[in-house]
Every structure is written in C-alpha cells, then in structure tokens.
C-alpha cells in the first residue's frame, strides 16, 4: 500500500527513501546497490523497502463512486 514511514523493527525512517530507491533502479542499479546507496545497512530496514509492494495506484481505481445515505 503506502510505504511505512519507519522500520518496524528498529524505528529508522525509511518512508522518504522509496522514490530515491525507484530512481536508482531505473538507473540500472541492482537492488542491493540501491539500498546501500540509500544508507540502509541493517537487514530489517532493507527488507522494509525491498519487500514493499506499491498497490496504492491500483486501489485508486476502485474508489467509491456512489453516495451512501
């Protein structure tokens, strides 16, 4: 859905790194290199970014179009 703001395990801020991570992947960096470049050294923080699935754009197509009374 939406990238978590902080790592679930250690509490480090990871939410601001998602866009930079995608840009590094577009620049033909590997996932490991991109995570290292972003300063994510702990495996708990790395998994937060690496395993995130960005579904928010797909979910926006299923918005509610009718009013409930």
N, C-alpha and C. Protein backbone atom coordinates (compact mmCIF):
# COMPACT_ATOMS: atom_id res chain seq x y z
N UNK A 1 0.83 -1.17 0.00
CA UNK A 1 0.00 0.00 0.00
C UNK A 1 0.88 1.25 0.00
N UNK A 2 0.98 1.90 1.12
CA UNK A 2 1.83 3.07 1.26
C UNK A 2 3.06 2.64 2.03
N UNK A 3 4.21 3.05 1.57
CA UNK A 3 5.46 2.66 2.23
C UNK A 3 5.42 3.09 3.69
N UNK A 4 5.75 2.20 4.60
CA UNK A 4 5.77 2.59 6.02
C UNK A 4 6.77 3.71 6.27
N UNK A 5 6.46 4.57 7.20
CA UNK A 5 7.33 5.70 7.50
C UNK A 5 8.59 5.24 8.20
N UNK A 6 8.44 4.29 9.12
CA UNK A 6 9.58 3.80 9.90
C UNK A 6 9.70 2.29 9.78
N UNK A 7 10.90 1.81 10.00
CA UNK A 7 11.16 0.37 10.03
C UNK A 7 10.40 -0.23 11.21
N UNK A 8 9.77 -1.36 11.00
CA UNK A 8 9.00 -1.99 12.07
C UNK A 8 9.89 -2.49 13.20
N UNK A 9 11.12 -2.86 12.90
CA UNK A 9 12.00 -3.45 13.91
C UNK A 9 12.81 -2.42 14.69
N UNK A 10 13.51 -1.55 13.98
CA UNK A 10 14.43 -0.64 14.67
C UNK A 10 13.94 0.80 14.74
N UNK A 11 12.95 1.17 13.94
CA UNK A 11 12.39 2.51 14.00
C UNK A 11 13.06 3.55 13.12
N UNK A 12 14.02 3.14 12.29
CA UNK A 12 14.69 4.09 11.40
C UNK A 12 13.70 4.57 10.33
N UNK A 13 13.81 5.82 9.94
CA UNK A 13 12.93 6.38 8.91
C UNK A 13 13.30 5.79 7.56
N UNK A 14 12.33 5.14 6.90
CA UNK A 14 12.56 4.56 5.58
C UNK A 14 11.56 5.10 4.55
N UNK A 15 10.54 5.80 4.99
CA UNK A 15 9.49 6.27 4.09
C UNK A 15 9.96 7.28 3.06
N UNK A 16 10.99 8.04 3.39
CA UNK A 16 11.48 9.06 2.46
C UNK A 16 12.43 8.49 1.41
N UNK A 17 12.74 7.23 1.48
CA UNK A 17 13.72 6.64 0.57
C UNK A 17 13.09 5.90 -0.61
N UNK A 18 11.77 5.75 -0.63
CA UNK A 18 11.11 4.96 -1.66
C UNK A 18 11.31 5.55 -3.06
N UNK A 19 11.06 6.83 -3.23
CA UNK A 19 11.20 7.46 -4.55
C UNK A 19 12.65 7.42 -5.03
N UNK A 20 13.58 7.65 -4.12
CA UNK A 20 15.01 7.59 -4.48
C UNK A 20 15.39 6.17 -4.87
N UNK A 21 14.83 5.18 -4.18
CA UNK A 21 15.08 3.77 -4.49
C UNK A 21 14.60 3.44 -5.90
N UNK A 22 13.41 3.88 -6.25
CA UNK A 22 12.88 3.63 -7.59
C UNK A 22 13.73 4.31 -8.66
N UNK A 23 14.21 5.52 -8.36
CA UNK A 23 15.07 6.23 -9.32
C UNK A 23 16.38 5.49 -9.53
N UNK A 24 16.95 4.95 -8.47
CA UNK A 24 18.19 4.19 -8.60
C UNK A 24 17.98 2.91 -9.40
N UNK A 25 16.85 2.27 -9.22
CA UNK A 25 16.55 1.07 -10.00
C UNK A 25 16.39 1.41 -11.48
N UNK A 26 15.80 2.56 -11.77
CA UNK A 26 15.65 2.99 -13.16
C UNK A 26 17.00 3.32 -13.78
N UNK A 27 17.97 3.67 -12.95
CA UNK A 27 19.32 3.99 -13.42
C UNK A 27 20.19 2.73 -13.51
N UNK A 28 19.55 1.57 -13.58
CA UNK A 28 20.23 0.27 -13.75
C UNK A 28 21.13 -0.11 -12.59
N UNK A 29 20.76 0.27 -11.39
CA UNK A 29 21.46 -0.20 -10.19
C UNK A 29 20.76 -1.47 -9.72
N UNK A 30 21.50 -2.38 -9.10
CA UNK A 30 20.87 -3.56 -8.53
C UNK A 30 20.16 -3.15 -7.24
N UNK A 31 19.29 -4.04 -6.76
CA UNK A 31 18.56 -3.73 -5.53
C UNK A 31 19.51 -3.53 -4.36
N UNK A 32 20.50 -4.40 -4.26
CA UNK A 32 21.47 -4.29 -3.16
C UNK A 32 22.28 -3.01 -3.21
N UNK A 33 22.72 -2.64 -4.40
CA UNK A 33 23.49 -1.40 -4.55
C UNK A 33 22.63 -0.18 -4.21
N UNK A 34 21.38 -0.21 -4.66
CA UNK A 34 20.48 0.92 -4.39
C UNK A 34 20.23 1.08 -2.89
N UNK A 35 20.01 -0.03 -2.21
CA UNK A 35 19.77 0.04 -0.76
C UNK A 35 21.00 0.52 -0.02
N UNK A 36 22.17 0.09 -0.45
CA UNK A 36 23.41 0.55 0.18
C UNK A 36 23.63 2.03 -0.08
N UNK A 37 23.35 2.48 -1.30
CA UNK A 37 23.50 3.91 -1.63
C UNK A 37 22.56 4.78 -0.79
N UNK A 38 21.41 4.24 -0.43
CA UNK A 38 20.45 4.99 0.37
C UNK A 38 20.80 5.00 1.85
N UNK A 39 21.82 4.26 2.23
CA UNK A 39 22.24 4.23 3.62
C UNK A 39 21.51 3.20 4.46
N UNK A 40 20.84 2.25 3.81
CA UNK A 40 20.13 1.20 4.53
C UNK A 40 21.07 0.02 4.71
N UNK A 41 21.68 -0.07 5.86
CA UNK A 41 22.66 -1.11 6.12
C UNK A 41 22.09 -2.28 6.92
N UNK A 42 21.13 -2.01 7.78
CA UNK A 42 20.52 -3.08 8.58
C UNK A 42 19.55 -3.89 7.72
N UNK A 43 19.55 -5.19 7.91
CA UNK A 43 18.68 -6.02 7.09
C UNK A 43 17.20 -5.78 7.37
N UNK A 44 16.87 -5.31 8.57
CA UNK A 44 15.46 -5.04 8.87
C UNK A 44 14.96 -3.86 8.03
N UNK A 45 15.79 -2.84 7.89
CA UNK A 45 15.41 -1.67 7.08
C UNK A 45 15.41 -2.01 5.60
N UNK A 46 16.36 -2.82 5.18
CA UNK A 46 16.44 -3.22 3.78
C UNK A 46 15.20 -3.99 3.36
N UNK A 47 14.71 -4.85 4.23
CA UNK A 47 13.53 -5.64 3.87
C UNK A 47 12.28 -4.77 3.80
N UNK A 48 12.24 -3.67 4.56
CA UNK A 48 11.08 -2.79 4.52
C UNK A 48 10.92 -2.18 3.12
N UNK A 49 12.02 -1.81 2.51
CA UNK A 49 11.97 -1.21 1.18
C UNK A 49 11.90 -2.29 0.11
N UNK A 50 12.68 -3.34 0.27
CA UNK A 50 12.78 -4.38 -0.75
C UNK A 50 11.48 -5.15 -0.92
N UNK A 51 10.75 -5.39 0.14
CA UNK A 51 9.54 -6.21 0.05
C UNK A 51 8.26 -5.39 -0.08
N UNK A 52 8.38 -4.07 -0.17
CA UNK A 52 7.19 -3.23 -0.31
C UNK A 52 6.56 -3.41 -1.68
N UNK A 53 5.25 -3.55 -1.73
CA UNK A 53 4.50 -3.64 -2.98
C UNK A 53 3.63 -2.39 -3.08
N UNK A 54 3.83 -1.63 -4.12
CA UNK A 54 3.13 -0.35 -4.28
C UNK A 54 1.78 -0.59 -4.94
N UNK A 55 0.74 -0.74 -4.14
CA UNK A 55 -0.60 -1.02 -4.63
C UNK A 55 -1.53 0.18 -4.65
N UNK A 56 -1.09 1.31 -4.16
CA UNK A 56 -1.98 2.45 -3.99
C UNK A 56 -2.57 2.92 -5.32
N UNK A 57 -1.80 2.89 -6.40
CA UNK A 57 -2.31 3.32 -7.70
C UNK A 57 -3.40 2.38 -8.19
N UNK A 58 -3.24 1.08 -7.96
CA UNK A 58 -4.26 0.11 -8.37
C UNK A 58 -5.52 0.25 -7.53
N UNK A 59 -5.37 0.53 -6.24
CA UNK A 59 -6.53 0.66 -5.37
C UNK A 59 -7.34 1.91 -5.66
N UNK A 60 -6.71 2.93 -6.20
CA UNK A 60 -7.44 4.16 -6.51
C UNK A 60 -8.49 3.95 -7.59
N UNK A 61 -8.33 2.91 -8.41
CA UNK A 61 -9.31 2.61 -9.45
C UNK A 61 -10.61 2.07 -8.87
N UNK A 62 -10.57 1.60 -7.64
CA UNK A 62 -11.74 1.01 -7.00
C UNK A 62 -12.37 1.95 -5.98
N UNK A 63 -12.25 3.22 -6.23
CA UNK A 63 -12.84 4.20 -5.32
C UNK A 63 -14.35 4.13 -5.33
N UNK A 64 -14.94 4.61 -4.29
CA UNK A 64 -16.39 4.57 -4.16
C UNK A 64 -16.99 5.72 -4.96
N UNK A 65 -17.89 5.38 -5.90
CA UNK A 65 -18.48 6.40 -6.77
C UNK A 65 -19.92 6.73 -6.41
N UNK A 66 -20.50 6.01 -5.47
CA UNK A 66 -21.88 6.28 -5.08
C UNK A 66 -21.91 6.80 -3.65
N UNK A 67 -22.86 7.66 -3.39
CA UNK A 67 -23.01 8.19 -2.04
C UNK A 67 -23.86 7.25 -1.21
N UNK A 68 -23.47 7.11 0.03
CA UNK A 68 -24.29 6.34 0.97
C UNK A 68 -25.12 7.30 1.80
N UNK A 69 -26.35 6.93 2.04
CA UNK A 69 -27.22 7.77 2.88
C UNK A 69 -27.23 7.28 4.29
